[in-house]
Amino acid sequence: MLLKLIPSPSREIGCRNLKLSFLLALPLIGYELANCQNKILALFFMLAALLTFKENRVFLSALLFSLALTVYVPLVFFLLYFIIRKKEFIVSFVIAALVVFIVIPSLFFGLEFNNFLLREWFVRTLKPFSLTTSYESYIDLRASSQSLPSAVGKLFAFGKTWQFTYLLPPVVLHFIIRISTALIVFFSLLTTWRNRKEVSKGLEYAIFLILALILPQYCIYYTWAWLFVIYFAAFNYISYPDVPEERKAFLRALTLILIIGSYSIAVRFLNNISVLFWTTLIFWLGAVAVLMSPGTTRRGGLNLPYGSNGEA
């Protein structure tokens, strides 16, 4: 799926970059699987949704996207990406979501019990993520959490849940998180809206995967197993000969910083100051800067020999 989804100059180069990306992320992938987590499954459905969307199979894409959301809700940011690229996607998504969240499970559990499960899912998952009005219920200071709320909390609050000592008033921290989240989402959307270059599609996907990692209330570091997709997007972009050398060097440096940040999780002190979050945020900033800068390549675009539709 990745070889078809993310453009590369040739299949040989794409395979090489995929192997390298997988090896670099392998410790995190192993950690994810050893802890019996399911975020790799969410990633599979998300990539399948993106690929079928690229192939104009919109309803199938919406179904796969809905399945991804049943595993990991923060992938919902991709809904904005789909709507920017094809506004009619929202109709397919509404129908697909009804099928995935209501029709199919009700056939197994019954409508009443399925409604109960959906209410509990909202209260336990969606409400804390999106609708909380209390910073005390939003912050999570566990070392394993590398999301934006946790990273900000570790800078300005100490203690345990509901027993915090604050360096800034809670409402101020709450607004810092909300405003930062809004700005990150806004510039991600602006970047996607402005970018029309096939060569940089992979970086678009990487940007939205990063949103699903850093913006939730809590995101444990083994979810960063997804980095192999982000590395793959960066390496493929760098592999194009028409990409300016200074841009290649910039993206290589960003990727190296992110790789170092991913291995920093072996040191608890570095987790306590959210090094993985900050290095991921740096990569996001750099990727946005690359896509927002005029002319993705020296000629302003590429006629891709491989990758635009998965065929040589």
C-alpha atoms as a PDB file:
ATOM      1  CA  MET A   1       0.000   0.000   0.000  1.00  0.00           C
ATOM      2  CA  LEU A   2       2.747   2.436   0.895  1.00  0.00           C
ATOM      3  CA  LEU A   3       4.582   1.905  -2.390  1.00  0.00           C
ATOM      4  CA  LYS A   4       1.369   2.808  -4.237  1.00  0.00           C
ATOM      5  CA  LEU A   5       0.289   5.568  -1.878  1.00  0.00           C
ATOM      6  CA  ILE A   6       3.450   7.650  -1.391  1.00  0.00           C
ATOM      7  CA  PRO A   7       5.192   8.734  -4.609  1.00  0.00           C
ATOM      8  CA  SER A   8       8.805   7.733  -5.228  1.00  0.00           C
ATOM      9  CA  PRO A   9      11.077   8.198  -8.265  1.00  0.00           C
ATOM     10  CA  SER A  10      11.121   4.441  -8.941  1.00  0.00           C
ATOM     11  CA  ARG A  11       9.966   1.216  -7.373  1.00  0.00           C
ATOM     12  CA  GLU A  12      13.567   0.287  -6.559  1.00  0.00           C
ATOM     13  CA  ILE A  13      14.131   3.524  -4.661  1.00  0.00           C
ATOM     14  CA  GLY A  14      10.743   3.191  -2.967  1.00  0.00           C
ATOM     15  CA  CYS A  15      11.531  -0.350  -1.771  1.00  0.00           C
ATOM     16  CA  ARG A  16      14.920   0.765  -0.473  1.00  0.00           C
ATOM     17  CA  ASN A  17      13.391   3.698   1.423  1.00  0.00           C
ATOM     18  CA  LEU A  18      10.642   1.504   2.856  1.00  0.00           C
ATOM     19  CA  LYS A  19      13.135  -1.044   4.183  1.00  0.00           C
ATOM     20  CA  LEU A  20      15.270   1.699   5.737  1.00  0.00           C
ATOM     21  CA  SER A  21      12.228   3.379   7.307  1.00  0.00           C
ATOM     22  CA  PHE A  22      11.002   0.091   8.748  1.00  0.00           C
ATOM     23  CA  LEU A  23      14.403  -0.712  10.262  1.00  0.00           C
ATOM     24  CA  LEU A  24      14.724   2.735  11.844  1.00  0.00           C
ATOM     25  CA  ALA A  25      11.275   2.413  13.439  1.00  0.00           C
ATOM     26  CA  LEU A  26      11.608  -1.275  14.298  1.00  0.00           C
ATOM     27  CA  PRO A  27      12.290  -0.780  18.050  1.00  0.00           C
ATOM     28  CA  LEU A  28       9.049   1.203  18.379  1.00  0.00           C
ATOM     29  CA  ILE A  29       7.117  -1.260  16.213  1.00  0.00           C
ATOM     30  CA  GLY A  30       8.376  -4.117  18.391  1.00  0.00           C
ATOM     31  CA  TYR A  31       7.472  -2.181  21.541  1.00  0.00           C
ATOM     32  CA  GLU A  32       3.963  -1.530  20.187  1.00  0.00           C
ATOM     33  CA  LEU A  33       3.389  -5.209  19.383  1.00  0.00           C
ATOM     34  CA  ALA A  34       5.019  -6.488  22.598  1.00  0.00           C
ATOM     35  CA  ASN A  35       2.510  -4.392  24.572  1.00  0.00           C
ATOM     36  CA  CYS A  36      -0.385  -5.934  22.618  1.00  0.00           C
ATOM     37  CA  GLN A  37      -1.479  -2.531  21.292  1.00  0.00           C
ATOM     38  CA  ASN A  38      -3.681  -2.057  18.235  1.00  0.00           C
ATOM     39  CA  LYS A  39      -2.462   1.237  16.742  1.00  0.00           C
ATOM     40  CA  ILE A  40      -0.757  -0.613  13.876  1.00  0.00           C
ATOM     41  CA  LEU A  41      -4.226  -1.909  12.960  1.00  0.00           C
ATOM     42  CA  ALA A  42      -5.553   1.662  12.989  1.00  0.00           C
ATOM     43  CA  LEU A  43      -2.668   2.689  10.746  1.00  0.00           C
ATOM     44  CA  PHE A  44      -3.465  -0.156   8.329  1.00  0.00           C
ATOM     45  CA  PHE A  45      -7.083   0.976   7.954  1.00  0.00           C
ATOM     46  CA  MET A  46      -5.971   4.613   7.622  1.00  0.00           C
ATOM     47  CA  LEU A  47      -3.464   3.875   4.856  1.00  0.00           C
ATOM     48  CA  ALA A  48      -6.040   1.707   3.071  1.00  0.00           C
ATOM     49  CA  ALA A  49      -8.525   4.592   3.303  1.00  0.00           C
ATOM     50  CA  LEU A  50      -5.988   7.017   1.822  1.00  0.00           C
ATOM     51  CA  LEU A  51      -5.097   4.630  -0.996  1.00  0.00           C
ATOM     52  CA  THR A  52      -8.710   3.941  -1.979  1.00  0.00           C
ATOM     53  CA  PHE A  53      -9.390   7.692  -1.769  1.00  0.00           C
ATOM     54  CA  LYS A  54      -6.492   8.279  -4.155  1.00  0.00           C
ATOM     55  CA  GLU A  55      -8.031   5.701  -6.486  1.00  0.00           C
ATOM     56  CA  ASN A  56     -11.397   7.561  -6.320  1.00  0.00           C
ATOM     57  CA  ARG A  57     -13.178   4.717  -4.509  1.00  0.00           C
ATOM     58  CA  VAL A  58     -14.698   7.235  -2.126  1.00  0.00           C
ATOM     59  CA  PHE A  59     -17.285   5.155  -0.279  1.00  0.00           C
ATOM     60  CA  LEU A  60     -14.845   2.289   0.332  1.00  0.00           C
ATOM     61  CA  SER A  61     -12.363   4.874   1.592  1.00  0.00           C
ATOM     62  CA  ALA A  62     -14.991   6.246   3.985  1.00  0.00           C
ATOM     63  CA  LEU A  63     -15.727   2.735   5.289  1.00  0.00           C
ATOM     64  CA  LEU A  64     -12.040   2.031   5.910  1.00  0.00           C
ATOM     65  CA  PHE A  65     -11.609   5.442   7.533  1.00  0.00           C
ATOM     66  CA  SER A  66     -14.531   4.706   9.875  1.00  0.00           C
ATOM     67  CA  LEU A  67     -12.882   1.403  10.828  1.00  0.00           C
ATOM     68  CA  ALA A  68      -9.665   3.302  11.604  1.00  0.00           C
ATOM     69  CA  LEU A  69     -11.645   5.592  13.927  1.00  0.00           C
ATOM     70  CA  THR A  70     -13.092   2.632  15.836  1.00  0.00           C
ATOM     71  CA  VAL A  71      -9.507   1.762  16.804  1.00  0.00           C
ATOM     72  CA  TYR A  72      -8.000   5.231  17.290  1.00  0.00           C
ATOM     73  CA  VAL A  73     -10.272   8.290  17.411  1.00  0.00           C
ATOM     74  CA  PRO A  74      -7.616  11.042  16.932  1.00  0.00           C
ATOM     75  CA  LEU A  75      -7.256   9.962  13.302  1.00  0.00           C
ATOM     76  CA  VAL A  76     -10.441  12.018  12.846  1.00  0.00           C
ATOM     77  CA  PHE A  77      -8.176  14.918  11.792  1.00  0.00           C
ATOM     78  CA  PHE A  78      -7.865  13.145   8.450  1.00  0.00           C
ATOM     79  CA  LEU A  79     -11.550  13.933   7.860  1.00  0.00           C
ATOM     80  CA  LEU A  80     -10.486  17.542   7.271  1.00  0.00           C
ATOM     81  CA  TYR A  81      -7.875  16.340   4.792  1.00  0.00           C
ATOM     82  CA  PHE A  82     -10.443  14.293   2.859  1.00  0.00           C
ATOM     83  CA  ILE A  83     -12.921  17.193   2.741  1.00  0.00           C
ATOM     84  CA  ILE A  84     -10.277  19.592   1.440  1.00  0.00           C
ATOM     85  CA  ARG A  85      -9.393  17.189  -1.339  1.00  0.00           C
ATOM     86  CA  LYS A  86     -12.978  16.119  -2.185  1.00  0.00           C
ATOM     87  CA  LYS A  87     -15.891  17.923  -0.509  1.00  0.00           C
ATOM     88  CA  GLU A  88     -18.417  15.199  -1.366  1.00  0.00           C
ATOM     89  CA  PHE A  89     -16.443  12.809   0.862  1.00  0.00           C
ATOM     90  CA  ILE A  90     -18.479  14.040   3.830  1.00  0.00           C
ATOM     91  CA  VAL A  91     -21.659  12.404   2.464  1.00  0.00           C
ATOM     92  CA  SER A  92     -19.933   9.023   2.050  1.00  0.00           C
ATOM     93  CA  PHE A  93     -18.381   9.371   5.499  1.00  0.00           C
ATOM     94  CA  VAL A  94     -21.714  10.029   7.227  1.00  0.00           C
ATOM     95  CA  ILE A  95     -23.258   6.943   5.600  1.00  0.00           C
ATOM     96  CA  ALA A  96     -20.174   4.803   6.281  1.00  0.00           C
ATOM     97  CA  ALA A  97     -19.999   5.931   9.913  1.00  0.00           C
ATOM     98  CA  LEU A  98     -23.648   4.986  10.434  1.00  0.00           C
ATOM     99  CA  VAL A  99     -22.937   1.544   8.988  1.00  0.00           C
ATOM    100  CA  VAL A 100     -19.747   0.969  11.017  1.00  0.00           C
ATOM    101  CA  PHE A 101     -20.853   2.490  14.325  1.00  0.00           C
ATOM    102  CA  ILE A 102     -24.562   1.682  14.404  1.00  0.00           C
ATOM    103  CA  VAL A 103     -25.869  -0.776  11.811  1.00  0.00           C
ATOM    104  CA  ILE A 104     -23.262  -3.556  11.925  1.00  0.00           C
ATOM    105  CA  PRO A 105     -22.660  -3.620  15.713  1.00  0.00           C
ATOM    106  CA  SER A 106     -26.415  -3.435  16.378  1.00  0.00           C
ATOM    107  CA  LEU A 107     -26.834  -6.654  14.415  1.00  0.00           C
ATOM    108  CA  PHE A 108     -24.589  -8.367  16.985  1.00  0.00           C
ATOM    109  CA  PHE A 109     -25.325  -6.502  20.228  1.00  0.00           C
ATOM    110  CA  GLY A 110     -28.812  -5.169  19.615  1.00  0.00           C
ATOM    111  CA  LEU A 111     -29.643  -1.496  19.127  1.00  0.00           C
ATOM    112  CA  GLU A 112     -30.164  -0.695  22.821  1.00  0.00           C
ATOM    113  CA  PHE A 113     -26.866  -2.199  24.042  1.00  0.00           C
ATOM    114  CA  ASN A 114     -24.969  -0.687  21.122  1.00  0.00           C
ATOM    115  CA  ASN A 115     -26.362   2.748  22.039  1.00  0.00           C
ATOM    116  CA  PHE A 116     -25.159   2.168  25.592  1.00  0.00           C
ATOM    117  CA  LEU A 117     -21.665   1.326  24.287  1.00  0.00           C
ATOM    118  CA  LEU A 118     -21.622   4.430  22.096  1.00  0.00           C
ATOM    119  CA  ARG A 119     -22.623   6.642  25.043  1.00  0.00           C
ATOM    120  CA  GLU A 120     -19.838   5.167  27.177  1.00  0.00           C
ATOM    121  CA  TRP A 121     -17.378   5.597  24.313  1.00  0.00           C
ATOM    122  CA  PHE A 122     -18.349   9.257  24.053  1.00  0.00           C
ATOM    123  CA  VAL A 123     -18.062   9.902  27.787  1.00  0.00           C
ATOM    124  CA  ARG A 124     -14.751   8.066  28.227  1.00  0.00           C
ATOM    125  CA  THR A 125     -13.016   8.931  24.956  1.00  0.00           C
ATOM    126  CA  LEU A 126     -14.500  11.728  22.873  1.00  0.00           C
ATOM    127  CA  LYS A 127     -15.614  14.086  25.648  1.00  0.00           C
ATOM    128  CA  PRO A 128     -12.228  14.283  27.453  1.00  0.00           C
ATOM    129  CA  PHE A 129     -10.503  14.675  24.084  1.00  0.00           C
ATOM    130  CA  SER A 130     -12.650  17.455  22.668  1.00  0.00           C
ATOM    131  CA  LEU A 131     -15.201  18.928  25.064  1.00  0.00           C
ATOM    132  CA  THR A 132     -13.595  19.118  28.495  1.00  0.00           C
ATOM    133  CA  THR A 133     -13.792  22.486  30.270  1.00  0.00           C
ATOM    134  CA  SER A 134     -11.457  21.556  33.122  1.00  0.00           C
ATOM    135  CA  TYR A 135      -7.704  21.537  32.691  1.00  0.00           C
ATOM    136  CA  GLU A 136      -7.454  19.177  35.660  1.00  0.00           C
ATOM    137  CA  SER A 137      -9.306  16.529  33.676  1.00  0.00           C
ATOM    138  CA  TYR A 138      -7.298  17.203  30.519  1.00  0.00           C
ATOM    139  CA  ILE A 139      -3.700  17.053  31.703  1.00  0.00           C
ATOM    140  CA  ASP A 140      -1.748  13.797  32.000  1.00  0.00           C
ATOM    141  CA  LEU A 141       1.774  13.956  33.426  1.00  0.00           C
ATOM    142  CA  ARG A 142       2.770  10.327  32.928  1.00  0.00           C
ATOM    143  CA  ALA A 143       6.242  10.045  31.417  1.00  0.00           C
ATOM    144  CA  SER A 144       4.925   7.742  28.695  1.00  0.00           C
ATOM    145  CA  SER A 145       2.556  10.390  27.316  1.00  0.00           C
ATOM    146  CA  GLN A 146       4.175  12.532  24.624  1.00  0.00           C
ATOM    147  CA  SER A 147       1.168  14.542  23.431  1.00  0.00           C
ATOM    148  CA  LEU A 148       0.857  18.339  23.446  1.00  0.00           C
ATOM    149  CA  PRO A 149      -1.295  18.563  26.615  1.00  0.00           C
ATOM    150  CA  SER A 150       1.149  16.325  28.487  1.00  0.00           C
ATOM    151  CA  ALA A 151       4.217  18.196  27.219  1.00  0.00           C
ATOM    152  CA  VAL A 152       2.793  21.584  28.256  1.00  0.00           C
ATOM    153  CA  GLY A 153       1.630  20.145  31.558  1.00  0.00           C
ATOM    154  CA  LYS A 154       5.088  18.815  32.361  1.00  0.00           C
ATOM    155  CA  LEU A 155       6.486  22.315  31.900  1.00  0.00           C
ATOM    156  CA  PHE A 156       4.019  24.139  34.129  1.00  0.00           C
ATOM    157  CA  ALA A 157       2.415  21.613  36.503  1.00  0.00           C
ATOM    158  CA  PHE A 158       3.628  19.037  38.985  1.00  0.00           C
ATOM    159  CA  GLY A 159       2.028  16.273  40.982  1.00  0.00           C
ATOM    160  CA  LYS A 160      -0.659  13.717  40.170  1.00  0.00           C
ATOM    161  CA  THR A 161      -4.079  13.958  38.557  1.00  0.00           C
ATOM    162  CA  TRP A 162      -6.390  16.259  40.533  1.00  0.00           C
ATOM    163  CA  GLN A 163      -3.498  17.132  42.871  1.00  0.00           C
ATOM    164  CA  PHE A 164      -1.451  19.492  40.714  1.00  0.00           C
ATOM    165  CA  THR A 165       0.821  22.314  41.763  1.00  0.00           C
ATOM    166  CA  TYR A 166       0.709  24.975  39.042  1.00  0.00           C
ATOM    167  CA  LEU A 167       3.367  27.447  37.916  1.00  0.00           C
ATOM    168  CA  LEU A 168       0.647  29.146  35.817  1.00  0.00           C
ATOM    169  CA  PRO A 169      -3.113  29.333  36.492  1.00  0.00           C
ATOM    170  CA  PRO A 170      -4.914  26.236  35.131  1.00  0.00           C
ATOM    171  CA  VAL A 171      -7.099  28.304  32.829  1.00  0.00           C
ATOM    172  CA  VAL A 172      -3.985  29.840  31.241  1.00  0.00           C
ATOM    173  CA  LEU A 173      -2.501  26.409  30.572  1.00  0.00           C
ATOM    174  CA  HIS A 174      -5.815  25.289  29.168  1.00  0.00           C
ATOM    175  CA  PHE A 175      -5.854  28.185  26.699  1.00  0.00           C
ATOM    176  CA  ILE A 176      -2.214  27.577  25.741  1.00  0.00           C
ATOM    177  CA  ILE A 177      -3.103  24.009  24.793  1.00  0.00           C
ATOM    178  CA  ARG A 178      -6.311  24.902  22.959  1.00  0.00           C
ATOM    179  CA  ILE A 179      -4.795  27.814  21.019  1.00  0.00           C
ATOM    180  CA  SER A 180      -1.688  25.790  20.133  1.00  0.00           C
ATOM    181  CA  THR A 181      -3.903  22.937  18.932  1.00  0.00           C
ATOM    182  CA  ALA A 182      -5.984  25.309  16.806  1.00  0.00           C
ATOM    183  CA  LEU A 183      -2.868  26.849  15.214  1.00  0.00           C
ATOM    184  CA  ILE A 184      -1.333  23.443  14.449  1.00  0.00           C
ATOM    185  CA  VAL A 185      -4.549  22.238  12.811  1.00  0.00           C
ATOM    186  CA  PHE A 186      -4.990  25.505  10.900  1.00  0.00           C
ATOM    187  CA  PHE A 187      -1.499  25.467   9.377  1.00  0.00           C
ATOM    188  CA  SER A 188      -1.830  21.771   8.546  1.00  0.00           C
ATOM    189  CA  LEU A 189      -5.043  22.511   6.645  1.00  0.00           C
ATOM    190  CA  LEU A 190      -3.566  25.590   4.950  1.00  0.00           C
ATOM    191  CA  THR A 191      -0.553  23.583   3.840  1.00  0.00           C
ATOM    192  CA  THR A 192      -2.744  20.849   2.378  1.00  0.00           C
ATOM    193  CA  TRP A 193      -5.020  23.347   0.659  1.00  0.00           C
ATOM    194  CA  ARG A 194      -2.074  25.108  -0.989  1.00  0.00           C
ATOM    195  CA  ASN A 195      -0.098  22.030  -1.981  1.00  0.00           C
ATOM    196  CA  ARG A 196      -0.964  20.438  -5.316  1.00  0.00           C
ATOM    197  CA  LYS A 197       2.357  18.696  -6.033  1.00  0.00           C
ATOM    198  CA  GLU A 198       2.198  14.914  -6.284  1.00  0.00           C
ATOM    199  CA  VAL A 199       5.839  14.632  -5.209  1.00  0.00           C
ATOM    200  CA  SER A 200       5.014  15.973  -1.741  1.00  0.00           C
ATOM    201  CA  LYS A 201       1.844  13.962  -1.088  1.00  0.00           C
ATOM    202  CA  GLY A 202       3.716  11.785   1.387  1.00  0.00           C
ATOM    203  CA  LEU A 203       4.624  14.796   3.503  1.00  0.00           C
ATOM    204  CA  GLU A 204       0.933  15.745   3.619  1.00  0.00           C
ATOM    205  CA  TYR A 205       0.082  12.319   5.024  1.00  0.00           C
ATOM    206  CA  ALA A 206       2.966  12.628   7.507  1.00  0.00           C
ATOM    207  CA  ILE A 207       1.660  15.982   8.749  1.00  0.00           C
ATOM    208  CA  PHE A 208      -1.795  14.563   9.517  1.00  0.00           C
ATOM    209  CA  LEU A 209      -0.373  11.417  11.118  1.00  0.00           C
ATOM    210  CA  ILE A 210       1.593  13.723  13.398  1.00  0.00           C
ATOM    211  CA  LEU A 211      -1.631  15.541  14.355  1.00  0.00           C
ATOM    212  CA  ALA A 212      -3.092  12.223  15.492  1.00  0.00           C
ATOM    213  CA  LEU A 213       0.014  11.630  17.613  1.00  0.00           C
ATOM    214  CA  ILE A 214       0.588  14.976  19.303  1.00  0.00           C
ATOM    215  CA  LEU A 215      -2.876  16.508  19.762  1.00  0.00           C
ATOM    216  CA  PRO A 216      -4.815  13.931  21.851  1.00  0.00           C
ATOM    217  CA  GLN A 217      -5.127  14.329  25.594  1.00  0.00           C
ATOM    218  CA  TYR A 218      -2.817  11.356  26.024  1.00  0.00           C
ATOM    219  CA  CYS A 219      -0.666   9.442  23.538  1.00  0.00           C
ATOM    220  CA  ILE A 220       1.829   6.834  24.707  1.00  0.00           C
ATOM    221  CA  TYR A 221       5.192   6.707  22.964  1.00  0.00           C
ATOM    222  CA  TYR A 222       4.844   3.292  21.374  1.00  0.00           C
ATOM    223  CA  THR A 223       2.171   4.769  19.091  1.00  0.00           C
ATOM    224  CA  TRP A 224       5.157   6.448  17.421  1.00  0.00           C
ATOM    225  CA  ALA A 225       5.634   3.082  15.673  1.00  0.00           C
ATOM    226  CA  TRP A 226       3.871   5.028  12.907  1.00  0.00           C
ATOM    227  CA  LEU A 227       7.161   6.823  12.335  1.00  0.00           C
ATOM    228  CA  PHE A 228       8.117   4.303   9.667  1.00  0.00           C
ATOM    229  CA  VAL A 229       5.458   5.885   7.417  1.00  0.00           C
ATOM    230  CA  ILE A 230       6.695   9.397   8.230  1.00  0.00           C
ATOM    231  CA  TYR A 231      10.309   8.407   7.528  1.00  0.00           C
ATOM    232  CA  PHE A 232       9.223   6.780   4.263  1.00  0.00           C
ATOM    233  CA  ALA A 233       7.476   9.982   3.140  1.00  0.00           C
ATOM    234  CA  ALA A 234      10.540  12.075   3.965  1.00  0.00           C
ATOM    235  CA  PHE A 235      13.027   9.697   2.301  1.00  0.00           C
ATOM    236  CA  ASN A 236      10.931   9.467  -0.874  1.00  0.00           C
ATOM    237  CA  TYR A 237      10.699  13.245  -1.128  1.00  0.00           C
ATOM    238  CA  ILE A 238      14.439  13.592  -0.637  1.00  0.00           C
ATOM    239  CA  SER A 239      15.070  10.960  -3.329  1.00  0.00           C
ATOM    240  CA  TYR A 240      13.701  13.085  -6.159  1.00  0.00           C
ATOM    241  CA  PRO A 241      16.597  14.624  -8.132  1.00  0.00           C
ATOM    242  CA  ASP A 242      14.697  17.861  -8.817  1.00  0.00           C
ATOM    243  CA  VAL A 243      14.171  18.680  -5.148  1.00  0.00           C
ATOM    244  CA  PRO A 244      16.628  21.513  -4.292  1.00  0.00           C
ATOM    245  CA  GLU A 245      19.688  20.357  -2.374  1.00  0.00           C
ATOM    246  CA  GLU A 246      19.147  22.837   0.459  1.00  0.00           C
ATOM    247  CA  ARG A 247      15.643  21.462   0.965  1.00  0.00           C
ATOM    248  CA  LYS A 248      16.966  17.900   0.977  1.00  0.00           C
ATOM    249  CA  ALA A 249      19.573  18.825   3.588  1.00  0.00           C
ATOM    250  CA  PHE A 250      16.927  20.553   5.700  1.00  0.00           C
ATOM    251  CA  LEU A 251      14.607  17.533   5.618  1.00  0.00           C
ATOM    252  CA  ARG A 252      17.485  15.118   6.340  1.00  0.00           C
ATOM    253  CA  ALA A 253      18.350  17.158   9.438  1.00  0.00           C
ATOM    254  CA  LEU A 254      14.714  17.152  10.576  1.00  0.00           C
ATOM    255  CA  THR A 255      14.458  13.393  10.088  1.00  0.00           C
ATOM    256  CA  LEU A 256      17.685  12.821  12.003  1.00  0.00           C
ATOM    257  CA  ILE A 257      16.370  14.930  14.890  1.00  0.00           C
ATOM    258  CA  LEU A 258      13.172  12.870  14.897  1.00  0.00           C
ATOM    259  CA  ILE A 259      15.103   9.581  14.845  1.00  0.00           C
ATOM    260  CA  ILE A 260      17.184  10.713  17.823  1.00  0.00           C
ATOM    261  CA  GLY A 261      14.004  11.802  19.601  1.00  0.00           C
ATOM    262  CA  SER A 262      12.393   8.396  19.009  1.00  0.00           C
ATOM    263  CA  TYR A 263      15.340   6.589  20.597  1.00  0.00           C
ATOM    264  CA  SER A 264      15.276   9.004  23.539  1.00  0.00           C
ATOM    265  CA  ILE A 265      12.345   7.085  25.029  1.00  0.00           C
ATOM    266  CA  ALA A 266      14.930   4.664  26.480  1.00  0.00           C
ATOM    267  CA  VAL A 267      15.844   7.426  28.994  1.00  0.00           C
ATOM    268  CA  ARG A 268      13.104   8.150  31.518  1.00  0.00           C
ATOM    269  CA  PHE A 269      14.326  11.680  32.252  1.00  0.00           C
ATOM    270  CA  LEU A 270      13.960  12.578  28.559  1.00  0.00           C
ATOM    271  CA  ASN A 271      10.410  11.195  28.616  1.00  0.00           C
ATOM    272  CA  ASN A 272       9.665  13.390  31.613  1.00  0.00           C
ATOM    273  CA  ILE A 273      10.505  16.476  29.541  1.00  0.00           C
ATOM    274  CA  SER A 274       8.742  15.092  26.443  1.00  0.00           C
ATOM    275  CA  VAL A 275      11.734  15.051  24.100  1.00  0.00           C
ATOM    276  CA  LEU A 276       9.851  12.804  21.667  1.00  0.00           C
ATOM    277  CA  PHE A 277       7.002  15.315  21.472  1.00  0.00           C
ATOM    278  CA  TRP A 278       9.294  18.287  20.891  1.00  0.00           C
ATOM    279  CA  THR A 279      11.315  16.563  18.175  1.00  0.00           C
ATOM    280  CA  THR A 280       8.073  15.483  16.480  1.00  0.00           C
ATOM    281  CA  LEU A 281       6.797  19.055  16.647  1.00  0.00           C
ATOM    282  CA  ILE A 282      10.062  20.285  15.105  1.00  0.00           C
ATOM    283  CA  PHE A 283       9.626  17.812  12.234  1.00  0.00           C
ATOM    284  CA  TRP A 284       6.012  18.969  11.757  1.00  0.00           C
ATOM    285  CA  LEU A 285       7.138  22.610  11.619  1.00  0.00           C
ATOM    286  CA  GLY A 286       9.829  21.740   9.079  1.00  0.00           C
ATOM    287  CA  ALA A 287       7.461  19.712   6.892  1.00  0.00           C
ATOM    288  CA  VAL A 288       4.941  22.569   6.880  1.00  0.00           C
ATOM    289  CA  ALA A 289       7.725  25.018   5.969  1.00  0.00           C
ATOM    290  CA  VAL A 290       8.851  22.787   3.080  1.00  0.00           C
ATOM    291  CA  LEU A 291       5.322  22.479   1.685  1.00  0.00           C
ATOM    292  CA  MET A 292       4.513  26.167   2.166  1.00  0.00           C
ATOM    293  CA  SER A 293       7.684  27.394   0.468  1.00  0.00           C
ATOM    294  CA  PRO A 294       7.271  28.344  -3.199  1.00  0.00           C
ATOM    295  CA  GLY A 295       8.173  25.600  -5.685  1.00  0.00           C
ATOM    296  CA  THR A 296       8.311  22.083  -4.297  1.00  0.00           C
ATOM    297  CA  THR A 297      11.010  21.301  -6.868  1.00  0.00           C
ATOM    298  CA  ARG A 298      13.383  23.358  -9.013  1.00  0.00           C
ATOM    299  CA  ARG A 299      10.869  23.263 -11.843  1.00  0.00           C
ATOM    300  CA  GLY A 300       7.900  23.798  -9.503  1.00  0.00           C
ATOM    301  CA  GLY A 301       6.568  20.294 -10.025  1.00  0.00           C
ATOM    302  CA  LEU A 302       7.301  16.841 -11.372  1.00  0.00           C
ATOM    303  CA  ASN A 303       5.922  14.473 -13.949  1.00  0.00           C
ATOM    304  CA  LEU A 304       6.296  11.377 -11.866  1.00  0.00           C
ATOM    305  CA  PRO A 305       7.724   8.278 -13.502  1.00  0.00           C
ATOM    306  CA  TYR A 306       6.436   6.104 -10.650  1.00  0.00           C
ATOM    307  CA  GLY A 307       4.136   6.321  -7.690  1.00  0.00           C
ATOM    308  CA  SER A 308       1.344   8.601  -8.846  1.00  0.00           C
ATOM    309  CA  ASN A 309      -0.873   5.608  -9.574  1.00  0.00           C
ATOM    310  CA  GLY A 310       1.283   2.757  -8.352  1.00  0.00           C
ATOM    311  CA  GLU A 311       2.516   1.773 -11.807  1.00  0.00           C
ATOM    312  CA  ALA A 312       5.782   2.329 -13.636  1.00  0.00           C
END
